[in-house]
Amino acid sequence: MNLFASLPEQLTAEQFDELLSRPTVRVERILSYGQVTPEGQWYDQVEHEWVLVLQGAGRIQYADGSEILLNVGDSVDIPAHCRHRVSWTAPQQLTIWLTVFYR
């Protein structure tokens, strides 16, 4: 599979594509085009999540109010049950996230 194949020109909502799933690991490609997590909604997952930006840019906000900006090549490891949300993605460019959820 090519992670850059069949990319949409526009999105009305984030697109989640599961690439691999095993009992202790799951890999997804997430596509964003200016989308953010709705205000007041937080991800609080049982798995740890490693996130890498392959194209575009995005910002992750944590429940304590801190934020991290991720540009191409940047990654972050989010511990399980660390409440977070996507607070911004590049509005004029497709952002491609590669995420690895693991236990």
N, C-alpha and C. Protein backbone atom coordinates (compact mmCIF):
# COMPACT_ATOMS: atom_id res chain seq x y z
N MET A 1 0.84 -1.20 0.00
CA MET A 1 0.00 0.00 0.00
C MET A 1 0.88 1.24 0.00
N ASN A 2 0.49 2.22 -0.79
CA ASN A 2 1.16 3.49 -0.83
C ASN A 2 0.34 4.48 0.00
N LEU A 3 0.94 5.07 1.03
CA LEU A 3 0.21 5.99 1.92
C LEU A 3 -0.23 7.28 1.23
N PHE A 4 0.35 7.57 0.06
CA PHE A 4 0.01 8.79 -0.67
C PHE A 4 -0.91 8.52 -1.86
N ALA A 5 -1.40 7.29 -2.00
CA ALA A 5 -2.28 6.93 -3.10
C ALA A 5 -3.74 7.28 -2.78
N SER A 6 -4.49 7.59 -3.79
CA SER A 6 -5.94 7.84 -3.67
C SER A 6 -6.28 8.89 -2.63
N LEU A 7 -5.58 10.01 -2.66
CA LEU A 7 -5.84 11.08 -1.71
C LEU A 7 -6.93 12.01 -2.25
N PRO A 8 -7.91 12.35 -1.42
CA PRO A 8 -8.98 13.25 -1.87
C PRO A 8 -8.48 14.69 -1.98
N GLU A 9 -9.12 15.46 -2.84
CA GLU A 9 -8.76 16.88 -2.98
C GLU A 9 -9.40 17.73 -1.89
N GLN A 10 -10.57 17.31 -1.41
CA GLN A 10 -11.28 17.99 -0.32
C GLN A 10 -11.92 16.94 0.58
N LEU A 11 -12.16 17.31 1.82
CA LEU A 11 -12.84 16.44 2.79
C LEU A 11 -13.88 17.24 3.54
N THR A 12 -15.04 16.65 3.79
CA THR A 12 -16.03 17.30 4.63
C THR A 12 -15.88 16.87 6.08
N ALA A 13 -15.15 15.76 6.30
CA ALA A 13 -14.88 15.25 7.65
C ALA A 13 -13.55 14.52 7.60
N GLU A 14 -12.91 14.38 8.75
CA GLU A 14 -11.68 13.60 8.80
C GLU A 14 -11.93 12.19 8.27
N GLN A 15 -10.92 11.63 7.63
CA GLN A 15 -11.03 10.28 7.09
C GLN A 15 -10.04 9.37 7.83
N PHE A 16 -10.54 8.25 8.35
CA PHE A 16 -9.72 7.29 9.09
C PHE A 16 -9.63 6.00 8.28
N ASP A 17 -8.42 5.58 7.94
CA ASP A 17 -8.19 4.35 7.18
C ASP A 17 -7.34 3.40 8.01
N GLU A 18 -7.92 2.27 8.41
CA GLU A 18 -7.16 1.28 9.17
C GLU A 18 -6.25 0.52 8.22
N LEU A 19 -4.96 0.52 8.50
CA LEU A 19 -3.97 -0.14 7.65
C LEU A 19 -3.57 -1.51 8.16
N LEU A 20 -3.60 -1.67 9.48
CA LEU A 20 -3.17 -2.92 10.11
C LEU A 20 -3.81 -3.03 11.48
N SER A 21 -4.25 -4.22 11.82
CA SER A 21 -4.84 -4.44 13.14
C SER A 21 -4.42 -5.80 13.67
N ARG A 22 -3.84 -5.79 14.85
CA ARG A 22 -3.44 -7.01 15.55
C ARG A 22 -3.88 -6.84 17.01
N PRO A 23 -3.84 -7.90 17.81
CA PRO A 23 -4.33 -7.78 19.19
C PRO A 23 -3.69 -6.65 20.01
N THR A 24 -2.42 -6.33 19.77
CA THR A 24 -1.75 -5.32 20.60
C THR A 24 -1.33 -4.07 19.84
N VAL A 25 -1.64 -4.00 18.54
CA VAL A 25 -1.24 -2.83 17.75
C VAL A 25 -2.24 -2.59 16.62
N ARG A 26 -2.46 -1.31 16.34
CA ARG A 26 -3.34 -0.90 15.24
C ARG A 26 -2.70 0.31 14.57
N VAL A 27 -2.66 0.30 13.24
CA VAL A 27 -2.05 1.40 12.48
C VAL A 27 -3.13 2.02 11.60
N GLU A 28 -3.21 3.36 11.64
CA GLU A 28 -4.20 4.08 10.85
C GLU A 28 -3.54 5.22 10.08
N ARG A 29 -4.11 5.51 8.93
CA ARG A 29 -3.80 6.75 8.22
C ARG A 29 -5.01 7.65 8.43
N ILE A 30 -4.75 8.86 8.90
CA ILE A 30 -5.83 9.82 9.13
C ILE A 30 -5.59 11.00 8.20
N LEU A 31 -6.64 11.42 7.51
CA LEU A 31 -6.56 12.55 6.60
C LEU A 31 -7.41 13.70 7.14
N SER A 32 -6.81 14.88 7.19
CA SER A 32 -7.51 16.09 7.67
C SER A 32 -7.30 17.20 6.66
N TYR A 33 -8.32 18.00 6.47
CA TYR A 33 -8.22 19.15 5.57
C TYR A 33 -8.87 20.33 6.28
N GLY A 34 -8.24 20.78 7.36
CA GLY A 34 -8.79 21.87 8.16
C GLY A 34 -9.72 21.40 9.27
N GLN A 35 -9.99 20.09 9.35
CA GLN A 35 -10.89 19.59 10.39
C GLN A 35 -10.18 19.58 11.75
N VAL A 36 -11.00 19.72 12.79
CA VAL A 36 -10.53 19.65 14.17
C VAL A 36 -11.50 18.77 14.96
N THR A 37 -11.07 18.35 16.13
CA THR A 37 -11.97 17.63 17.03
C THR A 37 -13.00 18.64 17.54
N PRO A 38 -14.28 18.31 17.54
CA PRO A 38 -15.28 19.26 18.02
C PRO A 38 -14.96 19.78 19.43
N GLU A 39 -15.23 21.06 19.63
CA GLU A 39 -15.00 21.71 20.93
C GLU A 39 -15.67 20.91 22.04
N GLY A 40 -14.93 20.67 23.11
CA GLY A 40 -15.47 19.93 24.25
C GLY A 40 -15.34 18.42 24.13
N GLN A 41 -14.96 17.92 22.97
CA GLN A 41 -14.76 16.47 22.79
C GLN A 41 -13.28 16.15 22.95
N TRP A 42 -13.00 15.08 23.70
CA TRP A 42 -11.63 14.67 23.97
C TRP A 42 -11.45 13.19 23.64
N TYR A 43 -10.28 12.87 23.10
CA TYR A 43 -9.92 11.46 22.94
C TYR A 43 -9.32 11.00 24.26
N ASP A 44 -9.77 9.86 24.75
CA ASP A 44 -9.28 9.26 25.99
C ASP A 44 -9.25 7.76 25.75
N GLN A 45 -8.15 7.28 25.19
CA GLN A 45 -8.05 5.92 24.68
C GLN A 45 -7.36 4.97 25.65
N VAL A 46 -7.68 3.70 25.54
CA VAL A 46 -7.04 2.68 26.37
C VAL A 46 -5.66 2.33 25.84
N GLU A 47 -5.38 2.65 24.56
CA GLU A 47 -4.06 2.38 23.99
C GLU A 47 -3.20 3.64 24.04
N HIS A 48 -1.88 3.43 23.99
CA HIS A 48 -0.96 4.53 23.74
C HIS A 48 -1.08 4.86 22.25
N GLU A 49 -0.73 6.09 21.88
CA GLU A 49 -0.85 6.50 20.48
C GLU A 49 0.40 7.25 20.06
N TRP A 50 1.09 6.72 19.06
CA TRP A 50 2.23 7.41 18.45
C TRP A 50 1.74 8.02 17.15
N VAL A 51 1.99 9.32 16.97
CA VAL A 51 1.47 10.06 15.82
C VAL A 51 2.64 10.69 15.06
N LEU A 52 2.61 10.54 13.73
CA LEU A 52 3.62 11.13 12.85
C LEU A 52 2.90 11.89 11.74
N VAL A 53 3.34 13.12 11.47
CA VAL A 53 2.76 13.90 10.37
C VAL A 53 3.63 13.66 9.13
N LEU A 54 2.99 13.11 8.09
CA LEU A 54 3.68 12.84 6.82
C LEU A 54 3.57 13.99 5.84
N GLN A 55 2.49 14.77 5.95
CA GLN A 55 2.24 15.90 5.06
C GLN A 55 1.32 16.88 5.79
N GLY A 56 1.51 18.17 5.54
CA GLY A 56 0.65 19.17 6.18
C GLY A 56 1.13 19.52 7.58
N ALA A 57 0.20 19.86 8.43
CA ALA A 57 0.52 20.25 9.80
C ALA A 57 -0.73 20.17 10.65
N GLY A 58 -0.52 19.98 11.95
CA GLY A 58 -1.64 19.92 12.88
C GLY A 58 -1.19 20.24 14.29
N ARG A 59 -2.15 20.57 15.11
CA ARG A 59 -1.86 20.91 16.51
C ARG A 59 -2.67 19.99 17.41
N ILE A 60 -2.02 19.41 18.40
CA ILE A 60 -2.66 18.57 19.41
C ILE A 60 -2.77 19.39 20.70
N GLN A 61 -3.97 19.45 21.26
CA GLN A 61 -4.20 20.14 22.52
C GLN A 61 -4.48 19.09 23.60
N TYR A 62 -3.91 19.30 24.76
CA TYR A 62 -4.12 18.41 25.90
C TYR A 62 -5.12 19.04 26.87
N ALA A 63 -5.70 18.23 27.73
CA ALA A 63 -6.73 18.69 28.66
C ALA A 63 -6.22 19.79 29.59
N ASP A 64 -4.91 19.84 29.84
CA ASP A 64 -4.36 20.89 30.71
C ASP A 64 -4.20 22.23 29.99
N GLY A 65 -4.56 22.26 28.69
CA GLY A 65 -4.49 23.50 27.91
C GLY A 65 -3.23 23.63 27.07
N SER A 66 -2.23 22.80 27.33
CA SER A 66 -1.00 22.88 26.53
C SER A 66 -1.25 22.32 25.14
N GLU A 67 -0.43 22.78 24.19
CA GLU A 67 -0.56 22.35 22.80
C GLU A 67 0.81 22.05 22.22
N ILE A 68 0.80 21.19 21.19
CA ILE A 68 2.03 20.90 20.46
C ILE A 68 1.72 21.00 18.97
N LEU A 69 2.56 21.73 18.24
CA LEU A 69 2.42 21.87 16.80
C LEU A 69 3.27 20.79 16.14
N LEU A 70 2.66 20.06 15.21
CA LEU A 70 3.37 19.02 14.48
C LEU A 70 3.42 19.39 13.00
N ASN A 71 4.63 19.50 12.47
CA ASN A 71 4.86 19.75 11.06
C ASN A 71 5.36 18.46 10.42
N VAL A 72 5.61 18.48 9.14
CA VAL A 72 6.08 17.28 8.43
C VAL A 72 7.30 16.69 9.13
N GLY A 73 7.21 15.41 9.42
CA GLY A 73 8.31 14.69 10.07
C GLY A 73 8.26 14.70 11.59
N ASP A 74 7.40 15.53 12.18
CA ASP A 74 7.28 15.58 13.63
C ASP A 74 6.39 14.45 14.13
N SER A 75 6.74 13.94 15.32
CA SER A 75 5.93 12.89 15.93
C SER A 75 5.77 13.17 17.42
N VAL A 76 4.77 12.51 17.99
CA VAL A 76 4.52 12.62 19.42
C VAL A 76 3.97 11.28 19.89
N ASP A 77 4.32 10.89 21.10
CA ASP A 77 3.81 9.67 21.72
C ASP A 77 2.86 10.10 22.83
N ILE A 78 1.60 9.72 22.70
CA ILE A 78 0.56 10.12 23.65
C ILE A 78 0.21 8.92 24.52
N PRO A 79 0.46 9.00 25.83
CA PRO A 79 0.15 7.87 26.71
C PRO A 79 -1.34 7.54 26.75
N ALA A 80 -1.64 6.30 27.04
CA ALA A 80 -3.04 5.88 27.21
C ALA A 80 -3.71 6.77 28.25
N HIS A 81 -4.97 7.08 28.02
CA HIS A 81 -5.81 7.89 28.90
C HIS A 81 -5.34 9.32 29.09
N CYS A 82 -4.46 9.79 28.21
CA CYS A 82 -4.07 11.21 28.20
C CYS A 82 -5.08 11.92 27.30
N ARG A 83 -5.95 12.69 27.92
CA ARG A 83 -7.01 13.36 27.15
C ARG A 83 -6.40 14.39 26.20
N HIS A 84 -6.79 14.29 24.92
CA HIS A 84 -6.27 15.18 23.90
C HIS A 84 -7.28 15.34 22.78
N ARG A 85 -7.03 16.35 21.96
CA ARG A 85 -7.89 16.62 20.80
C ARG A 85 -7.04 17.31 19.74
N VAL A 86 -7.52 17.28 18.50
CA VAL A 86 -6.88 18.03 17.42
C VAL A 86 -7.51 19.42 17.42
N SER A 87 -6.69 20.44 17.68
CA SER A 87 -7.22 21.81 17.79
C SER A 87 -7.04 22.61 16.50
N TRP A 88 -6.22 22.12 15.56
CA TRP A 88 -6.00 22.82 14.30
C TRP A 88 -5.34 21.88 13.32
N THR A 89 -5.74 21.95 12.06
CA THR A 89 -5.00 21.33 10.95
C THR A 89 -4.94 22.33 9.82
N ALA A 90 -3.93 22.20 9.00
CA ALA A 90 -3.70 23.13 7.88
C ALA A 90 -4.97 23.23 7.03
N PRO A 91 -5.52 24.44 6.87
CA PRO A 91 -6.78 24.58 6.14
C PRO A 91 -6.65 24.54 4.63
N GLN A 92 -5.47 24.81 4.10
CA GLN A 92 -5.28 24.88 2.65
C GLN A 92 -4.48 23.70 2.10
N GLN A 93 -4.20 22.70 2.95
CA GLN A 93 -3.40 21.56 2.52
C GLN A 93 -3.88 20.32 3.25
N LEU A 94 -3.87 19.20 2.57
CA LEU A 94 -4.22 17.94 3.19
C LEU A 94 -3.16 17.54 4.20
N THR A 95 -3.57 17.23 5.41
CA THR A 95 -2.66 16.73 6.42
C THR A 95 -2.82 15.22 6.48
N ILE A 96 -1.69 14.52 6.39
CA ILE A 96 -1.69 13.06 6.47
C ILE A 96 -0.98 12.67 7.77
N TRP A 97 -1.74 12.01 8.64
CA TRP A 97 -1.21 11.53 9.92
C TRP A 97 -1.02 10.01 9.80
N LEU A 98 0.06 9.49 10.31
CA LEU A 98 0.23 8.05 10.49
C LEU A 98 0.18 7.81 11.99
N THR A 99 -0.75 7.00 12.44
CA THR A 99 -0.92 6.76 13.87
C THR A 99 -0.75 5.27 14.18
N VAL A 100 -0.04 5.02 15.25
CA VAL A 100 0.16 3.65 15.73
C VAL A 100 -0.39 3.60 17.14
N PHE A 101 -1.44 2.80 17.33
CA PHE A 101 -2.04 2.57 18.65
C PHE A 101 -1.47 1.26 19.18
N TYR A 102 -0.96 1.28 20.41
CA TYR A 102 -0.33 0.06 20.94
C TYR A 102 -0.62 -0.07 22.43
N ARG A 103 -0.52 -1.33 22.90
CA ARG A 103 -0.75 -1.62 24.32
C ARG A 103 0.54 -2.05 24.97
